[in-house]
Amino acid sequence: MSNPEDNPIRKSPVPLEQCGAALAFDIVSDRWTWLILREMFYGVGRFADIQDEIGIPKSVLSGRLSQMIENGLVEKEPYRDGSARTRHAYVLTQKGRELTPVILALMQWGDKHLKDGKRALDITDKRTGTPLKVAIVPEGGALPLRRLTYTPIWDTPENKV
């Protein structure tokens, strides 16, 4: 459904309380949450590492992680790092991993409109090496996320500012 320019629609076809996007915004509603999701998408899951990567205050990170756990996006996973003390890393749940296409779509949009087409990441099919992009596809036509491979390209000549 689109909004034709010559005849603007005056009311959305879906009430806010019935709209999946509006309901999702309640759960992932701020910049910090998206940046934490981004880090976890890349595999960064230790509290201190997330904090260092995005520059988030400890109290804010703690609060966001608690909310993300409560909303079922993240879970704690115990690990030991050379000491007797057990620590916890944060990992995406299936529900959290299913936000990957949203993050990739935002990245793709940002690269195109905010970085003049300069990508920092190539997304390819692990099996074939075929470049991939986020798009609307027919049902059943999408590639499983396990078949994606991510290759940083931020330091290539065409992406240097």
Protein backbone atom coordinates (compact mmCIF):
# COMPACT_ATOMS: atom_id res chain seq x y z
CA MET A 1 0.00 0.00 0.00
CA SER A 2 1.39 3.40 -0.84
CA ASN A 3 0.35 6.96 -0.38
CA PRO A 4 -0.33 8.41 -3.85
CA GLU A 5 0.90 11.97 -4.15
CA ASP A 6 -2.15 13.19 -6.05
CA ASN A 7 -4.66 11.87 -3.53
CA PRO A 8 -3.23 11.74 0.01
CA ILE A 9 -4.72 9.18 2.37
CA ARG A 10 -6.22 10.86 5.42
CA LYS A 11 -6.23 7.88 7.77
CA SER A 12 -3.88 4.91 8.08
CA PRO A 13 -5.44 1.54 7.30
CA VAL A 14 -4.20 -0.01 10.59
CA PRO A 15 -4.92 1.42 14.06
CA LEU A 16 -1.80 1.99 16.20
CA GLU A 17 -2.77 -0.69 18.73
CA GLN A 18 -3.04 -3.23 15.88
CA CYS A 19 0.15 -2.22 14.05
CA GLY A 20 3.14 -4.51 14.50
CA ALA A 21 5.57 -1.67 13.75
CA ALA A 22 4.02 0.60 16.39
CA LEU A 23 4.11 -2.24 18.94
CA ALA A 24 7.75 -3.01 18.07
CA PHE A 25 8.70 0.64 18.59
CA ASP A 26 7.60 0.25 22.21
CA ILE A 27 10.25 -2.46 22.70
CA VAL A 28 13.11 -1.07 20.58
CA SER A 29 12.36 2.58 20.98
CA ASP A 30 15.67 4.35 21.49
CA ARG A 31 19.11 4.77 19.95
CA TRP A 32 20.95 2.90 22.73
CA THR A 33 18.82 -0.21 22.31
CA TRP A 34 19.50 -0.26 18.56
CA LEU A 35 23.23 0.23 19.12
CA ILE A 36 23.30 -2.61 21.67
CA LEU A 37 21.45 -4.82 19.18
CA ARG A 38 24.00 -3.82 16.53
CA GLU A 39 26.88 -4.89 18.78
CA MET A 40 25.23 -8.21 19.54
CA PHE A 41 24.55 -8.69 15.82
CA TYR A 42 28.34 -8.51 15.37
CA GLY A 43 28.85 -10.94 18.27
CA VAL A 44 29.94 -8.45 20.95
CA GLY A 45 28.23 -9.63 24.14
CA ARG A 46 30.32 -8.78 27.20
CA PHE A 47 29.07 -5.83 29.20
CA ALA A 48 32.40 -3.94 29.26
CA ASP A 49 32.97 -4.58 25.54
CA ILE A 50 29.54 -3.24 24.60
CA GLN A 51 30.11 -0.21 26.81
CA ASP A 52 33.52 0.48 25.27
CA GLU A 53 32.27 0.05 21.70
CA ILE A 54 29.32 2.45 21.87
CA GLY A 55 30.32 4.76 24.73
CA ILE A 56 27.17 4.13 26.75
CA PRO A 57 27.08 4.93 30.49
CA LYS A 58 27.09 1.79 32.70
CA SER A 59 23.75 2.59 34.30
CA VAL A 60 22.07 3.12 30.93
CA LEU A 61 23.55 -0.09 29.51
CA SER A 62 22.46 -2.05 32.55
CA GLY A 63 18.92 -0.70 32.27
CA ARG A 64 18.66 -1.35 28.54
CA LEU A 65 19.99 -4.90 28.88
CA SER A 66 17.46 -5.59 31.65
CA GLN A 67 14.65 -4.32 29.41
CA MET A 68 15.93 -6.36 26.49
CA ILE A 69 16.00 -9.50 28.66
CA GLU A 70 12.48 -8.73 29.93
CA ASN A 71 11.28 -8.29 26.33
CA GLY A 72 12.86 -11.58 25.28
CA LEU A 73 15.41 -10.09 22.89
CA VAL A 74 18.51 -11.03 24.90
CA GLU A 75 19.54 -13.66 27.42
CA LYS A 76 22.52 -14.06 29.73
CA GLU A 77 25.05 -16.77 29.04
CA PRO A 78 27.64 -17.70 31.70
CA TYR A 79 31.35 -17.75 30.86
CA ARG A 80 34.69 -17.79 32.68
CA ASP A 81 37.54 -15.62 31.57
CA GLY A 82 40.59 -17.14 33.23
CA SER A 83 39.26 -16.54 36.73
CA ALA A 84 37.19 -18.54 39.16
CA ARG A 85 34.42 -15.96 38.96
CA THR A 86 31.60 -16.71 36.55
CA ARG A 87 30.55 -13.76 34.46
CA HIS A 88 27.73 -13.36 31.98
CA ALA A 89 27.73 -12.39 28.34
CA TYR A 90 24.60 -11.21 26.61
CA VAL A 91 23.42 -13.01 23.50
CA LEU A 92 20.50 -12.48 21.18
CA THR A 93 17.58 -14.86 21.49
CA GLN A 94 15.81 -16.06 18.36
CA LYS A 95 13.40 -13.15 18.81
CA GLY A 96 16.37 -10.76 18.94
CA ARG A 97 18.11 -12.38 15.95
CA GLU A 98 14.96 -11.88 13.93
CA LEU A 99 15.67 -8.13 14.10
CA THR A 100 18.77 -8.70 11.92
CA PRO A 101 16.98 -7.78 8.67
CA VAL A 102 15.81 -4.53 10.29
CA ILE A 103 19.36 -3.64 11.34
CA LEU A 104 20.68 -4.55 7.90
CA ALA A 105 17.95 -2.50 6.21
CA LEU A 106 18.85 0.53 8.34
CA MET A 107 22.52 -0.01 7.53
CA GLN A 108 21.74 -0.28 3.82
CA TRP A 109 19.59 2.86 3.95
CA GLY A 110 22.25 4.78 5.93
CA ASP A 111 25.00 3.75 3.51
CA LYS A 112 22.93 4.94 0.56
CA HIS A 113 21.54 8.18 1.95
CA LEU A 114 23.99 9.25 4.65
CA LYS A 115 27.31 7.90 3.39
CA ASP A 116 26.90 8.55 -0.35
CA GLY A 117 26.77 4.83 -1.10
CA LYS A 118 30.00 4.01 0.76
CA ARG A 119 29.46 0.67 2.50
CA ALA A 120 31.38 -0.57 5.53
CA LEU A 121 30.16 -4.14 5.19
CA ASP A 122 29.56 -6.57 2.34
CA ILE A 123 26.82 -9.11 2.98
CA THR A 124 27.16 -12.30 0.98
CA ASP A 125 25.80 -15.84 0.80
CA LYS A 126 28.38 -18.12 2.51
CA ARG A 127 27.85 -20.89 -0.02
CA THR A 128 27.91 -18.97 -3.27
CA GLY A 129 29.59 -15.66 -2.42
CA THR A 130 26.66 -13.85 -4.05
CA PRO A 131 26.24 -10.28 -2.74
CA LEU A 132 22.99 -9.79 -0.82
CA LYS A 133 20.85 -6.83 0.14
CA VAL A 134 17.72 -6.38 2.19
CA ALA A 135 14.63 -6.25 0.01
CA ILE A 136 10.99 -7.20 -0.07
CA VAL A 137 10.81 -10.72 -1.50
CA PRO A 138 8.03 -13.20 -2.15
CA GLU A 139 7.15 -15.38 0.83
CA GLY A 140 9.47 -18.35 0.99
CA GLY A 141 12.04 -16.59 -1.18
CA ALA A 142 14.32 -15.35 1.59
CA LEU A 143 17.70 -16.86 2.38
CA PRO A 144 18.17 -18.24 5.94
CA LEU A 145 20.35 -15.95 8.11
CA ARG A 146 22.81 -18.81 8.74
CA ARG A 147 23.78 -18.57 5.07
CA LEU A 148 24.98 -14.97 5.36
CA THR A 149 28.57 -13.95 5.78
CA TYR A 150 29.64 -10.43 6.78
CA THR A 151 32.89 -8.95 5.51
CA PRO A 152 34.04 -5.54 6.76
CA ILE A 153 35.09 -3.28 3.89
CA TRP A 154 35.32 0.04 5.73
CA ASP A 155 39.03 0.36 5.04
CA THR A 156 38.86 -0.15 1.28
CA PRO A 157 39.86 2.83 -0.89
CA GLU A 158 36.34 3.48 -2.21
CA ASN A 159 35.01 3.85 1.35
CA LYS A 160 37.65 6.20 2.73
CA VAL A 161 36.45 9.72 3.30
